[in-house]
Amino acid sequence: MPSASQSGEVPARSKRADALRNQQTLLAAAAEVFVTSGVDAPIREIAAKAGVGMGTIYRNFPTRADLVVAVYRHQVEACAEAGPVLLAGADSPFAALRQWIGLFVDFLVTKHGLAGALQSDSSGFAALHTYFVERLEPVCAQLLDAAVAAGEIRPGTQPYELMRGIGNLCIGRDSDPRYDPRRLIGLLLDGLQQPRSP
């Protein structure tokens, strides 16, 4: 742990680490709020969830688009890093895949608001989409391959195809309260399973 200098100042590296930790906490809180209230949620709701003042949010993210893009990148990284952790700790590869898909769906809820937040910046949205696919497709492939190798699901499901299908099922969630994409995604995952021998 870095110690303070004789003048009482904490070294810059420690300040940077604290700032990074605070920013990660803020992004995690914003992601939770976006999942439940959408990307147009009031900034004060995000500040309250993160336990910070609104000025802190605006200092780090001057516009809502800046915040939404940062949350998007934060969620992509969290989703990518969760795959191997879930695979190592779950009861089975299929259980890990199911848990990972749950995180992926949370991410998609935020992603659907991204285009509106970026407004006319279609090239920025396209670059983020490429980053998302390149970062998450290999993780999904690893989980699918492990579940196939364990005999839990049928072979042949392509990771991009599964991710795209889940994304399509998530569209329209906000406009129809009777529609629950998670229930249909559960049915989709059940359909991937290998029939058990009698």
N, C-alpha and C. Protein backbone atom coordinates (compact mmCIF):
# COMPACT_ATOMS: atom_id res chain seq x y z
N MET A 1 0.85 -1.18 0.00
CA MET A 1 0.00 0.00 0.00
C MET A 1 0.89 1.24 0.00
N PRO A 2 0.68 2.18 -0.94
CA PRO A 2 1.54 3.35 -1.00
C PRO A 2 1.32 4.23 0.21
N SER A 3 2.41 4.76 0.73
CA SER A 3 2.30 5.63 1.89
C SER A 3 2.31 7.08 1.44
N ALA A 4 1.78 7.93 2.31
CA ALA A 4 1.77 9.36 1.99
C ALA A 4 3.17 9.91 2.13
N SER A 5 3.48 10.92 1.36
CA SER A 5 4.78 11.57 1.46
C SER A 5 4.79 12.44 2.72
N GLN A 6 5.95 13.04 3.02
CA GLN A 6 6.06 13.87 4.22
C GLN A 6 5.11 15.06 4.15
N SER A 7 4.78 15.51 2.96
CA SER A 7 3.85 16.63 2.83
C SER A 7 2.40 16.18 3.01
N GLY A 8 2.21 14.85 3.19
CA GLY A 8 0.85 14.33 3.39
C GLY A 8 0.15 13.97 2.10
N GLU A 9 0.81 14.13 0.95
CA GLU A 9 0.18 13.82 -0.33
C GLU A 9 0.32 12.34 -0.63
N VAL A 10 -0.74 11.76 -1.21
CA VAL A 10 -0.70 10.36 -1.63
C VAL A 10 -0.11 10.33 -3.03
N PRO A 11 0.79 9.39 -3.32
CA PRO A 11 1.38 9.33 -4.65
C PRO A 11 0.33 9.27 -5.75
N ALA A 12 0.68 9.81 -6.92
CA ALA A 12 -0.26 9.90 -8.05
C ALA A 12 -0.81 8.54 -8.45
N ARG A 13 0.03 7.48 -8.37
CA ARG A 13 -0.43 6.15 -8.80
C ARG A 13 -1.62 5.71 -7.95
N SER A 14 -1.57 5.96 -6.63
CA SER A 14 -2.65 5.59 -5.74
C SER A 14 -3.92 6.38 -6.07
N LYS A 15 -3.75 7.67 -6.37
CA LYS A 15 -4.90 8.50 -6.75
C LYS A 15 -5.53 7.97 -8.04
N ARG A 16 -4.68 7.58 -8.99
CA ARG A 16 -5.22 7.04 -10.25
C ARG A 16 -5.97 5.75 -9.99
N ALA A 17 -5.44 4.88 -9.12
CA ALA A 17 -6.11 3.61 -8.82
C ALA A 17 -7.46 3.87 -8.15
N ASP A 18 -7.49 4.84 -7.21
CA ASP A 18 -8.74 5.19 -6.55
C ASP A 18 -9.75 5.75 -7.56
N ALA A 19 -9.28 6.61 -8.43
CA ALA A 19 -10.16 7.21 -9.44
C ALA A 19 -10.73 6.13 -10.35
N LEU A 20 -9.89 5.16 -10.73
CA LEU A 20 -10.34 4.08 -11.60
C LEU A 20 -11.38 3.22 -10.88
N ARG A 21 -11.13 2.91 -9.61
CA ARG A 21 -12.08 2.13 -8.83
C ARG A 21 -13.42 2.86 -8.71
N ASN A 22 -13.34 4.16 -8.43
CA ASN A 22 -14.56 4.96 -8.32
C ASN A 22 -15.33 4.99 -9.63
N GLN A 23 -14.59 5.10 -10.72
CA GLN A 23 -15.24 5.13 -12.03
C GLN A 23 -15.91 3.78 -12.32
N GLN A 24 -15.24 2.66 -11.96
CA GLN A 24 -15.83 1.34 -12.18
C GLN A 24 -17.11 1.17 -11.34
N THR A 25 -17.09 1.68 -10.10
CA THR A 25 -18.27 1.63 -9.24
C THR A 25 -19.41 2.43 -9.87
N LEU A 26 -19.08 3.60 -10.38
CA LEU A 26 -20.07 4.46 -11.03
C LEU A 26 -20.66 3.78 -12.26
N LEU A 27 -19.82 3.16 -13.07
CA LEU A 27 -20.29 2.49 -14.28
C LEU A 27 -21.17 1.29 -13.94
N ALA A 28 -20.79 0.54 -12.90
CA ALA A 28 -21.62 -0.60 -12.48
C ALA A 28 -22.99 -0.13 -12.01
N ALA A 29 -23.01 0.97 -11.25
CA ALA A 29 -24.29 1.52 -10.78
C ALA A 29 -25.13 2.01 -11.95
N ALA A 30 -24.51 2.70 -12.89
CA ALA A 30 -25.24 3.20 -14.07
C ALA A 30 -25.80 2.03 -14.88
N ALA A 31 -25.02 0.96 -15.01
CA ALA A 31 -25.49 -0.21 -15.76
C ALA A 31 -26.74 -0.79 -15.10
N GLU A 32 -26.73 -0.90 -13.76
CA GLU A 32 -27.90 -1.43 -13.05
C GLU A 32 -29.13 -0.54 -13.29
N VAL A 33 -28.93 0.76 -13.22
CA VAL A 33 -30.04 1.69 -13.43
C VAL A 33 -30.54 1.60 -14.87
N PHE A 34 -29.63 1.51 -15.83
CA PHE A 34 -30.03 1.40 -17.23
C PHE A 34 -30.84 0.13 -17.48
N VAL A 35 -30.47 -0.97 -16.82
CA VAL A 35 -31.19 -2.23 -17.01
C VAL A 35 -32.62 -2.10 -16.50
N THR A 36 -32.81 -1.43 -15.35
CA THR A 36 -34.16 -1.34 -14.78
C THR A 36 -34.95 -0.15 -15.31
N SER A 37 -34.26 0.97 -15.61
CA SER A 37 -34.99 2.20 -15.97
C SER A 37 -34.70 2.72 -17.38
N GLY A 38 -33.80 2.06 -18.11
CA GLY A 38 -33.46 2.50 -19.47
C GLY A 38 -32.37 3.57 -19.47
N VAL A 39 -31.80 3.83 -20.65
CA VAL A 39 -30.68 4.77 -20.75
C VAL A 39 -31.09 6.22 -20.56
N ASP A 40 -32.39 6.48 -20.54
CA ASP A 40 -32.87 7.85 -20.30
C ASP A 40 -33.15 8.10 -18.82
N ALA A 41 -32.74 7.18 -17.96
CA ALA A 41 -32.96 7.34 -16.51
C ALA A 41 -32.33 8.65 -16.03
N PRO A 42 -32.95 9.31 -15.05
CA PRO A 42 -32.38 10.56 -14.54
C PRO A 42 -30.98 10.35 -13.96
N ILE A 43 -30.10 11.31 -14.21
CA ILE A 43 -28.74 11.24 -13.70
C ILE A 43 -28.74 11.16 -12.17
N ARG A 44 -29.70 11.82 -11.53
CA ARG A 44 -29.75 11.78 -10.06
C ARG A 44 -29.99 10.36 -9.55
N GLU A 45 -30.74 9.54 -10.32
CA GLU A 45 -30.97 8.14 -9.93
C GLU A 45 -29.66 7.36 -9.97
N ILE A 46 -28.86 7.62 -11.00
CA ILE A 46 -27.55 6.95 -11.12
C ILE A 46 -26.62 7.41 -10.00
N ALA A 47 -26.61 8.71 -9.73
CA ALA A 47 -25.76 9.25 -8.67
C ALA A 47 -26.13 8.64 -7.32
N ALA A 48 -27.42 8.52 -7.05
CA ALA A 48 -27.87 7.94 -5.78
C ALA A 48 -27.44 6.48 -5.67
N LYS A 49 -27.59 5.73 -6.76
CA LYS A 49 -27.21 4.31 -6.78
C LYS A 49 -25.71 4.15 -6.54
N ALA A 50 -24.91 5.06 -7.12
CA ALA A 50 -23.45 4.98 -7.00
C ALA A 50 -22.94 5.60 -5.71
N GLY A 51 -23.80 6.37 -5.03
CA GLY A 51 -23.38 7.04 -3.81
C GLY A 51 -22.44 8.20 -4.06
N VAL A 52 -22.66 8.90 -5.19
CA VAL A 52 -21.83 10.06 -5.53
C VAL A 52 -22.73 11.24 -5.86
N GLY A 53 -22.13 12.43 -5.93
CA GLY A 53 -22.88 13.61 -6.35
C GLY A 53 -23.01 13.64 -7.87
N MET A 54 -24.00 14.38 -8.35
CA MET A 54 -24.20 14.48 -9.79
C MET A 54 -23.00 15.13 -10.46
N GLY A 55 -22.32 16.04 -9.76
CA GLY A 55 -21.13 16.69 -10.31
C GLY A 55 -20.04 15.69 -10.66
N THR A 56 -19.92 14.63 -9.86
CA THR A 56 -18.93 13.58 -10.13
C THR A 56 -19.22 12.91 -11.46
N ILE A 57 -20.50 12.63 -11.70
CA ILE A 57 -20.87 11.99 -12.97
C ILE A 57 -20.55 12.91 -14.14
N TYR A 58 -20.95 14.18 -14.04
CA TYR A 58 -20.71 15.10 -15.16
C TYR A 58 -19.22 15.38 -15.36
N ARG A 59 -18.44 15.33 -14.29
CA ARG A 59 -16.99 15.53 -14.43
C ARG A 59 -16.37 14.38 -15.23
N ASN A 60 -16.84 13.16 -14.98
CA ASN A 60 -16.31 11.99 -15.68
C ASN A 60 -16.94 11.79 -17.06
N PHE A 61 -18.22 12.14 -17.17
CA PHE A 61 -18.96 11.89 -18.41
C PHE A 61 -19.80 13.13 -18.73
N PRO A 62 -19.23 14.07 -19.49
CA PRO A 62 -19.92 15.35 -19.74
C PRO A 62 -21.28 15.22 -20.42
N THR A 63 -21.48 14.18 -21.24
CA THR A 63 -22.78 14.02 -21.90
C THR A 63 -23.34 12.64 -21.58
N ARG A 64 -24.65 12.50 -21.76
CA ARG A 64 -25.29 11.18 -21.55
C ARG A 64 -24.69 10.14 -22.50
N ALA A 65 -24.40 10.55 -23.74
CA ALA A 65 -23.81 9.61 -24.71
C ALA A 65 -22.46 9.09 -24.19
N ASP A 66 -21.65 9.98 -23.58
CA ASP A 66 -20.36 9.55 -23.01
C ASP A 66 -20.58 8.48 -21.95
N LEU A 67 -21.58 8.70 -21.09
CA LEU A 67 -21.87 7.75 -20.02
C LEU A 67 -22.37 6.43 -20.59
N VAL A 68 -23.29 6.50 -21.55
CA VAL A 68 -23.85 5.27 -22.12
C VAL A 68 -22.77 4.45 -22.81
N VAL A 69 -21.89 5.09 -23.57
CA VAL A 69 -20.81 4.37 -24.25
C VAL A 69 -19.86 3.75 -23.22
N ALA A 70 -19.55 4.48 -22.16
CA ALA A 70 -18.67 3.94 -21.12
C ALA A 70 -19.31 2.74 -20.43
N VAL A 71 -20.61 2.82 -20.16
CA VAL A 71 -21.32 1.69 -19.54
C VAL A 71 -21.31 0.51 -20.51
N TYR A 72 -21.54 0.78 -21.77
CA TYR A 72 -21.52 -0.27 -22.80
C TYR A 72 -20.19 -1.01 -22.79
N ARG A 73 -19.09 -0.26 -22.82
CA ARG A 73 -17.76 -0.89 -22.81
C ARG A 73 -17.50 -1.64 -21.51
N HIS A 74 -17.95 -1.06 -20.40
CA HIS A 74 -17.80 -1.69 -19.09
C HIS A 74 -18.54 -3.03 -19.07
N GLN A 75 -19.76 -3.04 -19.60
CA GLN A 75 -20.55 -4.27 -19.61
C GLN A 75 -19.97 -5.32 -20.55
N VAL A 76 -19.44 -4.90 -21.69
CA VAL A 76 -18.80 -5.85 -22.60
C VAL A 76 -17.64 -6.54 -21.88
N GLU A 77 -16.80 -5.74 -21.22
CA GLU A 77 -15.65 -6.31 -20.51
C GLU A 77 -16.09 -7.23 -19.37
N ALA A 78 -17.10 -6.79 -18.61
CA ALA A 78 -17.59 -7.62 -17.50
C ALA A 78 -18.15 -8.94 -18.03
N CYS A 79 -18.87 -8.88 -19.13
CA CYS A 79 -19.46 -10.08 -19.74
C CYS A 79 -18.36 -11.01 -20.27
N ALA A 80 -17.36 -10.42 -20.91
CA ALA A 80 -16.25 -11.22 -21.45
C ALA A 80 -15.47 -11.90 -20.33
N GLU A 81 -15.20 -11.16 -19.26
CA GLU A 81 -14.42 -11.72 -18.15
C GLU A 81 -15.21 -12.74 -17.35
N ALA A 82 -16.53 -12.63 -17.35
CA ALA A 82 -17.37 -13.55 -16.57
C ALA A 82 -17.40 -14.95 -17.16
N GLY A 83 -17.28 -15.08 -18.48
CA GLY A 83 -17.40 -16.39 -19.12
C GLY A 83 -16.48 -17.44 -18.52
N PRO A 84 -15.15 -17.23 -18.53
CA PRO A 84 -14.24 -18.23 -17.97
C PRO A 84 -14.43 -18.45 -16.47
N VAL A 85 -14.80 -17.39 -15.74
CA VAL A 85 -15.03 -17.51 -14.29
C VAL A 85 -16.23 -18.41 -14.03
N LEU A 86 -17.32 -18.18 -14.77
CA LEU A 86 -18.52 -19.01 -14.62
C LEU A 86 -18.23 -20.45 -15.00
N LEU A 87 -17.48 -20.64 -16.06
CA LEU A 87 -17.14 -21.99 -16.52
C LEU A 87 -16.34 -22.74 -15.46
N ALA A 88 -15.45 -22.05 -14.78
CA ALA A 88 -14.63 -22.68 -13.75
C ALA A 88 -15.42 -22.98 -12.48
N GLY A 89 -16.48 -22.17 -12.20
CA GLY A 89 -17.15 -22.31 -10.92
C GLY A 89 -18.54 -22.91 -10.95
N ALA A 90 -19.15 -23.04 -12.11
CA ALA A 90 -20.52 -23.55 -12.18
C ALA A 90 -20.56 -25.06 -12.04
N ASP A 91 -21.74 -25.58 -11.75
CA ASP A 91 -21.91 -27.03 -11.60
C ASP A 91 -21.67 -27.77 -12.90
N SER A 92 -21.93 -27.10 -14.02
CA SER A 92 -21.76 -27.73 -15.32
C SER A 92 -21.53 -26.64 -16.37
N PRO A 93 -20.95 -27.00 -17.52
CA PRO A 93 -20.80 -26.01 -18.58
C PRO A 93 -22.12 -25.40 -19.04
N PHE A 94 -23.18 -26.21 -19.06
CA PHE A 94 -24.48 -25.66 -19.48
C PHE A 94 -25.00 -24.65 -18.46
N ALA A 95 -24.80 -24.93 -17.17
CA ALA A 95 -25.19 -23.98 -16.12
C ALA A 95 -24.41 -22.68 -16.29
N ALA A 96 -23.11 -22.79 -16.63
CA ALA A 96 -22.29 -21.60 -16.86
C ALA A 96 -22.81 -20.82 -18.07
N LEU A 97 -23.17 -21.54 -19.14
CA LEU A 97 -23.72 -20.89 -20.33
C LEU A 97 -25.01 -20.16 -19.99
N ARG A 98 -25.89 -20.78 -19.23
CA ARG A 98 -27.17 -20.16 -18.85
C ARG A 98 -26.92 -18.89 -18.03
N GLN A 99 -25.99 -18.95 -17.08
CA GLN A 99 -25.68 -17.77 -16.26
C GLN A 99 -25.08 -16.66 -17.12
N TRP A 100 -24.20 -17.04 -18.04
CA TRP A 100 -23.57 -16.05 -18.90
C TRP A 100 -24.60 -15.37 -19.80
N ILE A 101 -25.54 -16.16 -20.32
CA ILE A 101 -26.60 -15.59 -21.16
C ILE A 101 -27.41 -14.57 -20.35
N GLY A 102 -27.64 -14.82 -19.07
CA GLY A 102 -28.34 -13.85 -18.22
C GLY A 102 -27.60 -12.52 -18.17
N LEU A 103 -26.28 -12.56 -18.03
CA LEU A 103 -25.47 -11.34 -18.04
C LEU A 103 -25.53 -10.67 -19.41
N PHE A 104 -25.48 -11.47 -20.44
CA PHE A 104 -25.53 -10.97 -21.81
C PHE A 104 -26.84 -10.24 -22.07
N VAL A 105 -27.95 -10.77 -21.54
CA VAL A 105 -29.25 -10.12 -21.72
C VAL A 105 -29.27 -8.78 -21.00
N ASP A 106 -28.71 -8.71 -19.78
CA ASP A 106 -28.61 -7.42 -19.08
C ASP A 106 -27.87 -6.41 -19.94
N PHE A 107 -26.79 -6.87 -20.56
CA PHE A 107 -26.00 -6.00 -21.42
C PHE A 107 -26.82 -5.53 -22.63
N LEU A 108 -27.60 -6.45 -23.21
CA LEU A 108 -28.38 -6.10 -24.40
C LEU A 108 -29.43 -5.03 -24.11
N VAL A 109 -29.98 -5.04 -22.90
CA VAL A 109 -30.96 -4.03 -22.53
C VAL A 109 -30.35 -2.64 -22.65
N THR A 110 -29.11 -2.50 -22.19
CA THR A 110 -28.40 -1.22 -22.31
C THR A 110 -28.07 -0.93 -23.77
N LYS A 111 -27.62 -1.95 -24.49
CA LYS A 111 -27.19 -1.78 -25.88
C LYS A 111 -28.32 -1.24 -26.75
N HIS A 112 -29.56 -1.67 -26.48
CA HIS A 112 -30.66 -1.22 -27.33
C HIS A 112 -30.91 0.29 -27.21
N GLY A 113 -30.51 0.88 -26.10
CA GLY A 113 -30.66 2.32 -25.97
C GLY A 113 -29.49 3.10 -26.52
N LEU A 114 -28.44 2.38 -26.92
CA LEU A 114 -27.20 3.04 -27.33
C LEU A 114 -27.38 3.85 -28.60
N ALA A 115 -28.07 3.30 -29.58
CA ALA A 115 -28.21 3.99 -30.86
C ALA A 115 -28.88 5.35 -30.68
N GLY A 116 -29.92 5.40 -29.83
CA GLY A 116 -30.59 6.67 -29.59
C GLY A 116 -29.70 7.66 -28.86
N ALA A 117 -28.90 7.14 -27.92
CA ALA A 117 -28.01 8.02 -27.15
C ALA A 117 -26.92 8.61 -28.03
N LEU A 118 -26.46 7.84 -29.03
CA LEU A 118 -25.41 8.33 -29.92
C LEU A 118 -25.97 9.21 -31.03
N GLN A 119 -27.28 9.17 -31.22
CA GLN A 119 -27.98 9.96 -32.23
C GLN A 119 -27.38 9.76 -33.61
N SER A 120 -26.72 10.77 -34.16
CA SER A 120 -26.29 10.68 -35.57
C SER A 120 -24.93 10.03 -35.76
N ASP A 121 -24.27 9.58 -34.67
CA ASP A 121 -22.92 9.04 -34.80
C ASP A 121 -22.97 7.55 -35.18
N SER A 122 -23.38 7.27 -36.42
CA SER A 122 -23.53 5.88 -36.85
C SER A 122 -22.19 5.17 -36.94
N SER A 123 -21.11 5.88 -37.27
CA SER A 123 -19.80 5.23 -37.36
C SER A 123 -19.33 4.82 -35.96
N GLY A 124 -19.62 5.65 -34.95
CA GLY A 124 -19.27 5.30 -33.58
C GLY A 124 -20.03 4.08 -33.12
N PHE A 125 -21.31 4.00 -33.48
CA PHE A 125 -22.12 2.84 -33.11
C PHE A 125 -21.59 1.58 -33.80
N ALA A 126 -21.23 1.69 -35.08
CA ALA A 126 -20.71 0.54 -35.83
C ALA A 126 -19.40 0.04 -35.21
N ALA A 127 -18.53 0.97 -34.80
CA ALA A 127 -17.25 0.57 -34.18
C ALA A 127 -17.50 -0.15 -32.86
N LEU A 128 -18.45 0.34 -32.08
CA LEU A 128 -18.77 -0.33 -30.81
C LEU A 128 -19.37 -1.70 -31.04
N HIS A 129 -20.20 -1.83 -32.07
CA HIS A 129 -20.80 -3.14 -32.38
C HIS A 129 -19.70 -4.14 -32.76
N THR A 130 -18.73 -3.70 -33.56
CA THR A 130 -17.62 -4.58 -33.96
C THR A 130 -16.84 -5.02 -32.73
N TYR A 131 -16.56 -4.07 -31.84
CA TYR A 131 -15.85 -4.37 -30.59
C TYR A 131 -16.62 -5.40 -29.76
N PHE A 132 -17.93 -5.22 -29.66
CA PHE A 132 -18.79 -6.13 -28.91
C PHE A 132 -18.73 -7.55 -29.48
N VAL A 133 -18.86 -7.69 -30.79
CA VAL A 133 -18.84 -9.01 -31.42
C VAL A 133 -17.47 -9.66 -31.25
N GLU A 134 -16.41 -8.91 -31.51
CA GLU A 134 -15.06 -9.48 -31.42
C GLU A 134 -14.70 -9.89 -30.00
N ARG A 135 -15.24 -9.19 -29.02
CA ARG A 135 -14.91 -9.49 -27.61
C ARG A 135 -15.77 -10.62 -27.05
N LEU A 136 -17.05 -10.69 -27.44
CA LEU A 136 -17.95 -11.65 -26.81
C LEU A 136 -18.14 -12.95 -27.57
N GLU A 137 -17.99 -12.92 -28.89
CA GLU A 137 -18.20 -14.16 -29.66
C GLU A 137 -17.27 -15.29 -29.21
N PRO A 138 -15.96 -15.04 -28.98
CA PRO A 138 -15.09 -16.13 -28.52
C PRO A 138 -15.49 -16.68 -27.15
N VAL A 139 -16.01 -15.83 -26.28
CA VAL A 139 -16.44 -16.28 -24.96
C VAL A 139 -17.65 -17.19 -25.09
N CYS A 140 -18.61 -16.79 -25.90
CA CYS A 140 -19.78 -17.62 -26.15
C CYS A 140 -19.36 -18.95 -26.77
N ALA A 141 -18.41 -18.91 -27.70
CA ALA A 141 -17.91 -20.14 -28.34
C ALA A 141 -17.29 -21.08 -27.31
N GLN A 142 -16.50 -20.52 -26.38
CA GLN A 142 -15.87 -21.34 -25.34
C GLN A 142 -16.93 -22.04 -24.48
N LEU A 143 -17.98 -21.32 -24.12
CA LEU A 143 -19.04 -21.91 -23.30
C LEU A 143 -19.82 -22.98 -24.07
N LEU A 144 -20.13 -22.69 -25.32
CA LEU A 144 -20.83 -23.68 -26.15
C LEU A 144 -19.99 -24.94 -26.34
N ASP A 145 -18.70 -24.75 -26.65
CA ASP A 145 -17.81 -25.90 -26.87
C ASP A 145 -17.71 -26.77 -25.62
N ALA A 146 -17.64 -26.13 -24.45
CA ALA A 146 -17.54 -26.89 -23.20
C ALA A 146 -18.82 -27.68 -22.94
N ALA A 147 -19.98 -27.06 -23.24
CA ALA A 147 -21.25 -27.76 -23.03
C ALA A 147 -21.42 -28.91 -24.02
N VAL A 148 -20.94 -28.74 -25.25
CA VAL A 148 -20.98 -29.83 -26.24
C VAL A 148 -20.06 -30.96 -25.78
N ALA A 149 -18.84 -30.62 -25.36
CA ALA A 149 -17.86 -31.62 -24.92
C ALA A 149 -18.38 -32.41 -23.72
N ALA A 150 -19.18 -31.77 -22.86
CA ALA A 150 -19.75 -32.45 -21.69
C ALA A 150 -21.00 -33.25 -22.05
N GLY A 151 -21.42 -33.19 -23.33
CA GLY A 151 -22.60 -33.93 -23.77
C GLY A 151 -23.91 -33.30 -23.31
N GLU A 152 -23.86 -32.01 -22.93
CA GLU A 152 -25.06 -31.35 -22.41
C GLU A 152 -25.92 -30.71 -23.49
N ILE A 153 -25.29 -30.26 -24.57
CA ILE A 153 -26.06 -29.66 -25.66
C ILE A 153 -25.64 -30.30 -26.98
N ARG A 154 -26.53 -30.15 -27.94
CA ARG A 154 -26.23 -30.67 -29.28
C ARG A 154 -25.13 -29.84 -29.92
N PRO A 155 -24.28 -30.44 -30.72
CA PRO A 155 -23.28 -29.66 -31.45
C PRO A 155 -23.94 -28.89 -32.59
N GLY A 156 -23.23 -27.89 -33.10
CA GLY A 156 -23.68 -27.20 -34.30
C GLY A 156 -24.21 -25.79 -34.08
N THR A 157 -24.42 -25.37 -32.83
CA THR A 157 -24.89 -24.00 -32.61
C THR A 157 -23.72 -23.05 -32.73
N GLN A 158 -23.84 -22.07 -33.61
CA GLN A 158 -22.79 -21.09 -33.82
C GLN A 158 -22.94 -19.95 -32.80
N PRO A 159 -21.84 -19.50 -32.20
CA PRO A 159 -21.96 -18.47 -31.17
C PRO A 159 -22.59 -17.17 -31.68
N TYR A 160 -22.21 -16.72 -32.86
CA TYR A 160 -22.79 -15.47 -33.37
C TYR A 160 -24.29 -15.63 -33.58
N GLU A 161 -24.67 -16.79 -34.12
CA GLU A 161 -26.08 -17.08 -34.38
C GLU A 161 -26.88 -17.05 -33.06
N LEU A 162 -26.34 -17.65 -32.01
CA LEU A 162 -27.03 -17.67 -30.73
C LEU A 162 -27.13 -16.25 -30.15
N MET A 163 -26.03 -15.51 -30.19
CA MET A 163 -26.03 -14.14 -29.67
C MET A 163 -27.02 -13.27 -30.45
N ARG A 164 -27.03 -13.42 -31.75
CA ARG A 164 -27.94 -12.63 -32.59
C ARG A 164 -29.40 -12.99 -32.31
N GLY A 165 -29.67 -14.29 -32.16
CA GLY A 165 -31.03 -14.74 -31.86
C GLY A 165 -31.51 -14.20 -30.52
N ILE A 166 -30.65 -14.23 -29.51
CA ILE A 166 -31.01 -13.70 -28.20
C ILE A 166 -31.25 -12.19 -28.30
N GLY A 167 -30.39 -11.51 -29.06
CA GLY A 167 -30.58 -10.07 -29.28
C GLY A 167 -31.92 -9.77 -29.91
N ASN A 168 -32.30 -10.57 -30.89
CA ASN A 168 -33.59 -10.35 -31.55
C ASN A 168 -34.76 -10.60 -30.59
N LEU A 169 -34.62 -11.58 -29.70
CA LEU A 169 -35.68 -11.85 -28.74
C LEU A 169 -35.84 -10.70 -27.73
N CYS A 170 -34.75 -9.98 -27.49
CA CYS A 170 -34.79 -8.87 -26.52
C CYS A 170 -35.44 -7.60 -27.09
N ILE A 171 -35.52 -7.49 -28.41
CA ILE A 171 -36.11 -6.29 -29.02
C ILE A 171 -37.60 -6.22 -28.68
N GLY A 172 -38.04 -5.05 -28.32
CA GLY A 172 -39.46 -4.85 -28.04
C GLY A 172 -39.84 -5.02 -26.58
N ARG A 173 -38.87 -5.34 -25.72
CA ARG A 173 -39.17 -5.53 -24.30
C ARG A 173 -39.76 -4.27 -23.69
N ASP A 174 -39.21 -3.11 -24.05
CA ASP A 174 -39.64 -1.86 -23.43
C ASP A 174 -41.04 -1.43 -23.89
N SER A 175 -41.42 -1.78 -25.10
CA SER A 175 -42.68 -1.26 -25.64
C SER A 175 -43.88 -2.14 -25.31
N ASP A 176 -43.65 -3.31 -24.72
CA ASP A 176 -44.78 -4.20 -24.41
C ASP A 176 -44.54 -4.89 -23.07
N PRO A 177 -45.19 -4.42 -22.01
CA PRO A 177 -44.96 -4.99 -20.69
C PRO A 177 -45.39 -6.46 -20.57
N ARG A 178 -46.21 -6.92 -21.51
CA ARG A 178 -46.62 -8.34 -21.47
C ARG A 178 -45.56 -9.26 -22.02
N TYR A 179 -44.54 -8.69 -22.67
CA TYR A 179 -43.52 -9.51 -23.33
C TYR A 179 -42.31 -9.71 -22.41
N ASP A 180 -41.97 -10.97 -22.16
CA ASP A 180 -40.83 -11.29 -21.30
C ASP A 180 -39.80 -12.08 -22.11
N PRO A 181 -38.78 -11.39 -22.64
CA PRO A 181 -37.81 -12.11 -23.46
C PRO A 181 -37.05 -13.17 -22.69
N ARG A 182 -36.86 -12.99 -21.39
CA ARG A 182 -36.09 -13.98 -20.62
C ARG A 182 -36.77 -15.35 -20.61
N ARG A 183 -38.10 -15.35 -20.60
CA ARG A 183 -38.81 -16.63 -20.63
C ARG A 183 -38.55 -17.35 -21.95
N LEU A 184 -38.61 -16.60 -23.05
CA LEU A 184 -38.36 -17.22 -24.36
C LEU A 184 -36.90 -17.64 -24.51
N ILE A 185 -35.97 -16.86 -23.96
CA ILE A 185 -34.56 -17.22 -24.01
C ILE A 185 -34.33 -18.51 -23.22
N GLY A 186 -35.04 -18.65 -22.09
CA GLY A 186 -34.96 -19.90 -21.33
C GLY A 186 -35.42 -21.09 -22.16
N LEU A 187 -36.51 -20.90 -22.90
CA LEU A 187 -37.01 -21.97 -23.78
C LEU A 187 -35.99 -22.29 -24.88
N LEU A 188 -35.36 -21.25 -25.42
CA LEU A 188 -34.35 -21.44 -26.46
C LEU A 188 -33.19 -22.27 -25.91
N LEU A 189 -32.71 -21.92 -24.72
CA LEU A 189 -31.60 -22.66 -24.13
C LEU A 189 -32.00 -24.10 -23.80
N ASP A 190 -33.23 -24.28 -23.33
CA ASP A 190 -33.70 -25.65 -23.06
C ASP A 190 -33.68 -26.47 -24.35
N GLY A 191 -34.01 -25.81 -25.47
CA GLY A 191 -34.04 -26.51 -26.75
C GLY A 191 -32.67 -26.92 -27.26
N LEU A 192 -31.60 -26.30 -26.73
CA LEU A 192 -30.24 -26.68 -27.12
C LEU A 192 -29.79 -27.98 -26.44
N GLN A 193 -30.45 -28.32 -25.33
CA GLN A 193 -29.99 -29.47 -24.54
C GLN A 193 -30.16 -30.78 -25.27
N GLN A 194 -29.21 -31.66 -25.00
CA GLN A 194 -29.28 -33.03 -25.53
C GLN A 194 -30.39 -33.76 -24.78
N PRO A 195 -31.18 -34.55 -25.49
CA PRO A 195 -32.18 -35.36 -24.77
C PRO A 195 -31.46 -36.34 -23.85
N ARG A 196 -31.98 -36.51 -22.64
CA ARG A 196 -31.36 -37.44 -21.70
C ARG A 196 -31.77 -38.86 -22.06
N SER A 197 -30.82 -39.78 -21.89
CA SER A 197 -31.14 -41.19 -22.17
C SER A 197 -32.06 -41.72 -21.05
N PRO A 198 -33.00 -42.58 -21.44
CA PRO A 198 -33.91 -43.14 -20.43
C PRO A 198 -33.17 -44.05 -19.49
